[in-house]
Amino acid sequence: MLITTNTTHAANASLFKKLPYDPIKDFAPVSLIAKVDWSWWCRQTARCRRCQT
């Protein structure tokens, strides 16, 4: 696997009863490829007024 996200490991552990690998022990991060900031955009007429995390 060259590039993957953490969702791959989370989903596979839940979707498959038995995996041929241990998603925690068999993989290690090698380097950070990118860091992306998130932004939320909506119309002024949208119902939402503020975003809470």
PDB file of N, CA and C in Angstrom:
ATOM      1  N   MET A   1       0.843  -1.153   0.000  1.00  0.00           N
ATOM      2  CA  MET A   1       0.000   0.000   0.000  1.00  0.00           C
ATOM      3  C   MET A   1       0.901   1.232   0.000  1.00  0.00           C
ATOM      4  N   LEU A   2       0.749   2.044  -0.977  1.00  0.00           N
ATOM      5  CA  LEU A   2       1.591   3.233  -1.036  1.00  0.00           C
ATOM      6  C   LEU A   2       0.989   4.394  -0.261  1.00  0.00           C
ATOM      7  N   ILE A   3      -0.270   4.689  -0.536  1.00  0.00           N
ATOM      8  CA  ILE A   3      -0.930   5.790   0.147  1.00  0.00           C
ATOM      9  C   ILE A   3      -2.294   5.296   0.626  1.00  0.00           C
ATOM     10  N   THR A   4      -2.615   5.572   1.856  1.00  0.00           N
ATOM     11  CA  THR A   4      -3.911   5.197   2.407  1.00  0.00           C
ATOM     12  C   THR A   4      -4.305   6.184   3.484  1.00  0.00           C
ATOM     13  N   THR A   5      -5.538   6.109   3.908  1.00  0.00           N
ATOM     14  CA  THR A   5      -6.011   6.960   4.990  1.00  0.00           C
ATOM     15  C   THR A   5      -6.349   6.096   6.193  1.00  0.00           C
ATOM     16  N   ASN A   6      -6.603   6.723   7.307  1.00  0.00           N
ATOM     17  CA  ASN A   6      -6.949   5.954   8.494  1.00  0.00           C
ATOM     18  C   ASN A   6      -8.323   5.313   8.393  1.00  0.00           C
ATOM     19  N   THR A   7      -9.176   5.780   7.496  1.00  0.00           N
ATOM     20  CA  THR A   7     -10.500   5.183   7.345  1.00  0.00           C
ATOM     21  C   THR A   7     -10.419   3.770   6.792  1.00  0.00           C
ATOM     22  N   THR A   8      -9.384   3.471   6.027  1.00  0.00           N
ATOM     23  CA  THR A   8      -9.204   2.118   5.513  1.00  0.00           C
ATOM     24  C   THR A   8      -9.074   1.130   6.659  1.00  0.00           C
ATOM     25  N   HIS A   9      -8.280   1.443   7.625  1.00  0.00           N
ATOM     26  CA  HIS A   9      -8.069   0.547   8.757  1.00  0.00           C
ATOM     27  C   HIS A   9      -9.313   0.457   9.637  1.00  0.00           C
ATOM     28  N   ALA A  10      -9.972   1.552   9.854  1.00  0.00           N
ATOM     29  CA  ALA A  10     -11.168   1.550  10.699  1.00  0.00           C
ATOM     30  C   ALA A  10     -12.302   0.771  10.041  1.00  0.00           C
ATOM     31  N   ALA A  11     -12.509   0.961   8.761  1.00  0.00           N
ATOM     32  CA  ALA A  11     -13.598   0.283   8.067  1.00  0.00           C
ATOM     33  C   ALA A  11     -13.326  -1.210   7.922  1.00  0.00           C
ATOM     34  N   ASN A  12     -12.125  -1.587   7.535  1.00  0.00           N
ATOM     35  CA  ASN A  12     -11.823  -3.003   7.335  1.00  0.00           C
ATOM     36  C   ASN A  12     -11.967  -3.808   8.617  1.00  0.00           C
ATOM     37  N   ALA A  13     -11.576  -3.254   9.727  1.00  0.00           N
ATOM     38  CA  ALA A  13     -11.701  -3.966  11.000  1.00  0.00           C
ATOM     39  C   ALA A  13     -13.171  -4.199  11.351  1.00  0.00           C
ATOM     40  N   SER A  14     -14.041  -3.314  10.920  1.00  0.00           N
ATOM     41  CA  SER A  14     -15.468  -3.459  11.203  1.00  0.00           C
ATOM     42  C   SER A  14     -16.200  -4.298  10.160  1.00  0.00           C
ATOM     43  N   LEU A  15     -15.749  -4.250   8.922  1.00  0.00           N
ATOM     44  CA  LEU A  15     -16.449  -4.938   7.837  1.00  0.00           C
ATOM     45  C   LEU A  15     -16.111  -6.418   7.725  1.00  0.00           C
ATOM     46  N   PHE A  16     -14.893  -6.797   8.055  1.00  0.00           N
ATOM     47  CA  PHE A  16     -14.453  -8.174   7.876  1.00  0.00           C
ATOM     48  C   PHE A  16     -14.202  -8.834   9.223  1.00  0.00           C
ATOM     49  N   LYS A  17     -14.691 -10.068   9.360  1.00  0.00           N
ATOM     50  CA  LYS A  17     -14.505 -10.786  10.625  1.00  0.00           C
ATOM     51  C   LYS A  17     -13.053 -11.136  10.870  1.00  0.00           C
ATOM     52  N   LYS A  18     -12.371 -11.598   9.831  1.00  0.00           N
ATOM     53  CA  LYS A  18     -10.978 -11.999   9.984  1.00  0.00           C
ATOM     54  C   LYS A  18     -10.144 -11.382   8.857  1.00  0.00           C
ATOM     55  N   LEU A  19      -9.150 -10.637   9.239  1.00  0.00           N
ATOM     56  CA  LEU A  19      -8.253 -10.014   8.267  1.00  0.00           C
ATOM     57  C   LEU A  19      -6.938 -10.786   8.233  1.00  0.00           C
ATOM     58  N   PRO A  20      -6.287 -10.854   7.088  1.00  0.00           N
ATOM     59  CA  PRO A  20      -4.993 -11.546   7.014  1.00  0.00           C
ATOM     60  C   PRO A  20      -3.844 -10.734   7.615  1.00  0.00           C
ATOM     61  N   TYR A  21      -4.163  -9.612   8.212  1.00  0.00           N
ATOM     62  CA  TYR A  21      -3.145  -8.762   8.833  1.00  0.00           C
ATOM     63  C   TYR A  21      -3.748  -8.080  10.051  1.00  0.00           C
ATOM     64  N   ASP A  22      -2.906  -7.557  10.893  1.00  0.00           N
ATOM     65  CA  ASP A  22      -3.349  -6.778  12.044  1.00  0.00           C
ATOM     66  C   ASP A  22      -3.228  -5.302  11.666  1.00  0.00           C
ATOM     67  N   PRO A  23      -4.343  -4.590  11.537  1.00  0.00           N
ATOM     68  CA  PRO A  23      -4.279  -3.208  11.062  1.00  0.00           C
ATOM     69  C   PRO A  23      -3.514  -2.265  11.988  1.00  0.00           C
ATOM     70  N   ILE A  24      -3.311  -2.642  13.223  1.00  0.00           N
ATOM     71  CA  ILE A  24      -2.571  -1.778  14.152  1.00  0.00           C
ATOM     72  C   ILE A  24      -1.092  -2.139  14.179  1.00  0.00           C
ATOM     73  N   LYS A  25      -0.779  -3.418  14.282  1.00  0.00           N
ATOM     74  CA  LYS A  25       0.615  -3.844  14.427  1.00  0.00           C
ATOM     75  C   LYS A  25       1.378  -3.924  13.108  1.00  0.00           C
ATOM     76  N   ASP A  26       0.695  -4.213  12.010  1.00  0.00           N
ATOM     77  CA  ASP A  26       1.379  -4.463  10.744  1.00  0.00           C
ATOM     78  C   ASP A  26       1.657  -3.215   9.912  1.00  0.00           C
ATOM     79  N   PHE A  27       1.174  -2.070  10.329  1.00  0.00           N
ATOM     80  CA  PHE A  27       1.403  -0.835   9.574  1.00  0.00           C
ATOM     81  C   PHE A  27       2.015   0.219  10.479  1.00  0.00           C
ATOM     82  N   ALA A  28       2.875   1.013   9.906  1.00  0.00           N
ATOM     83  CA  ALA A  28       3.490   2.118  10.640  1.00  0.00           C
ATOM     84  C   ALA A  28       3.568   3.329   9.717  1.00  0.00           C
ATOM     85  N   PRO A  29       3.289   4.509  10.228  1.00  0.00           N
ATOM     86  CA  PRO A  29       3.419   5.702   9.380  1.00  0.00           C
ATOM     87  C   PRO A  29       4.885   5.947   9.034  1.00  0.00           C
ATOM     88  N   VAL A  30       5.115   6.284   7.786  1.00  0.00           N
ATOM     89  CA  VAL A  30       6.483   6.511   7.323  1.00  0.00           C
ATOM     90  C   VAL A  30       6.773   8.004   7.221  1.00  0.00           C
ATOM     91  N   SER A  31       5.856   8.741   6.625  1.00  0.00           N
ATOM     92  CA  SER A  31       6.044  10.189   6.529  1.00  0.00           C
ATOM     93  C   SER A  31       4.701  10.873   6.302  1.00  0.00           C
ATOM     94  N   LEU A  32       4.669  12.156   6.547  1.00  0.00           N
ATOM     95  CA  LEU A  32       3.490  12.958   6.304  1.00  0.00           C
ATOM     96  C   LEU A  32       3.569  13.479   4.880  1.00  0.00           C
ATOM     97  N   ILE A  33       2.553  13.199   4.091  1.00  0.00           N
ATOM     98  CA  ILE A  33       2.562  13.635   2.694  1.00  0.00           C
ATOM     99  C   ILE A  33       1.965  15.027   2.551  1.00  0.00           C
ATOM    100  N   ALA A  34       0.839  15.239   3.219  1.00  0.00           N
ATOM    101  CA  ALA A  34       0.172  16.535   3.089  1.00  0.00           C
ATOM    102  C   ALA A  34      -0.629  16.826   4.341  1.00  0.00           C
ATOM    103  N   LYS A  35      -0.838  18.080   4.585  1.00  0.00           N
ATOM    104  CA  LYS A  35      -1.702  18.520   5.668  1.00  0.00           C
ATOM    105  C   LYS A  35      -2.692  19.496   5.055  1.00  0.00           C
ATOM    106  N   VAL A  36      -3.973  19.211   5.230  1.00  0.00           N
ATOM    107  CA  VAL A  36      -5.002  20.002   4.571  1.00  0.00           C
ATOM    108  C   VAL A  36      -5.888  20.654   5.615  1.00  0.00           C
ATOM    109  N   ASP A  37      -6.106  21.934   5.464  1.00  0.00           N
ATOM    110  CA  ASP A  37      -7.037  22.646   6.327  1.00  0.00           C
ATOM    111  C   ASP A  37      -8.439  22.538   5.738  1.00  0.00           C
ATOM    112  N   TRP A  38      -9.418  22.429   6.604  1.00  0.00           N
ATOM    113  CA  TRP A  38     -10.803  22.333   6.173  1.00  0.00           C
ATOM    114  C   TRP A  38     -11.453  23.693   6.236  1.00  0.00           C
ATOM    115  N   SER A  39     -12.361  23.930   5.312  1.00  0.00           N
ATOM    116  CA  SER A  39     -13.172  25.130   5.381  1.00  0.00           C
ATOM    117  C   SER A  39     -14.605  24.765   5.021  1.00  0.00           C
ATOM    118  N   TRP A  40     -15.546  25.422   5.636  1.00  0.00           N
ATOM    119  CA  TRP A  40     -16.965  25.160   5.408  1.00  0.00           C
ATOM    120  C   TRP A  40     -17.589  26.390   4.769  1.00  0.00           C
ATOM    121  N   TRP A  41     -18.325  26.165   3.709  1.00  0.00           N
ATOM    122  CA  TRP A  41     -18.981  27.259   3.007  1.00  0.00           C
ATOM    123  C   TRP A  41     -20.464  26.933   2.888  1.00  0.00           C
ATOM    124  N   CYS A  42     -21.298  27.939   3.037  1.00  0.00           N
ATOM    125  CA  CYS A  42     -22.731  27.750   2.816  1.00  0.00           C
ATOM    126  C   CYS A  42     -23.346  29.077   2.392  1.00  0.00           C
ATOM    127  N   ARG A  43     -24.527  28.952   1.830  1.00  0.00           N
ATOM    128  CA  ARG A  43     -25.247  30.161   1.401  1.00  0.00           C
ATOM    129  C   ARG A  43     -25.744  30.933   2.612  1.00  0.00           C
ATOM    130  N   GLN A  44     -25.969  32.211   2.441  1.00  0.00           N
ATOM    131  CA  GLN A  44     -26.514  33.016   3.542  1.00  0.00           C
ATOM    132  C   GLN A  44     -27.935  32.583   3.872  1.00  0.00           C
ATOM    133  N   THR A  45     -28.633  32.007   2.933  1.00  0.00           N
ATOM    134  CA  THR A  45     -30.015  31.580   3.166  1.00  0.00           C
ATOM    135  C   THR A  45     -30.100  30.193   3.777  1.00  0.00           C
ATOM    136  N   ALA A  46     -28.985  29.552   4.010  1.00  0.00           N
ATOM    137  CA  ALA A  46     -28.992  28.221   4.610  1.00  0.00           C
ATOM    138  C   ALA A  46     -29.463  28.293   6.054  1.00  0.00           C
ATOM    139  N   ARG A  47     -30.014  27.197   6.558  1.00  0.00           N
ATOM    140  CA  ARG A  47     -30.527  27.167   7.928  1.00  0.00           C
ATOM    141  C   ARG A  47     -29.428  27.290   8.981  1.00  0.00           C
ATOM    142  N   CYS A  48     -28.277  26.718   8.692  1.00  0.00           N
ATOM    143  CA  CYS A  48     -27.208  26.723   9.691  1.00  0.00           C
ATOM    144  C   CYS A  48     -26.649  28.143   9.870  1.00  0.00           C
ATOM    145  N   ARG A  49     -26.348  28.477  11.059  1.00  0.00           N
ATOM    146  CA  ARG A  49     -25.792  29.807  11.356  1.00  0.00           C
ATOM    147  C   ARG A  49     -24.399  29.706  11.943  1.00  0.00           C
ATOM    148  N   ARG A  50     -24.079  28.598  12.597  1.00  0.00           N
ATOM    149  CA  ARG A  50     -22.742  28.440  13.164  1.00  0.00           C
ATOM    150  C   ARG A  50     -22.392  26.949  13.161  1.00  0.00           C
ATOM    151  N   CYS A  51     -21.131  26.695  13.171  1.00  0.00           N
ATOM    152  CA  CYS A  51     -20.634  25.322  13.153  1.00  0.00           C
ATOM    153  C   CYS A  51     -19.990  25.022  14.503  1.00  0.00           C
ATOM    154  N   GLN A  52     -20.380  23.934  15.126  1.00  0.00           N
ATOM    155  CA  GLN A  52     -19.810  23.552  16.395  1.00  0.00           C
ATOM    156  C   GLN A  52     -19.135  22.204  16.256  1.00  0.00           C
ATOM    157  N   THR A  53     -17.991  22.042  16.907  1.00  0.00           N
ATOM    158  CA  THR A  53     -17.294  20.771  16.862  1.00  0.00           C
ATOM    159  C   THR A  53     -17.336  20.091  18.204  1.00  0.00           C
TER     160      THR A  53
END
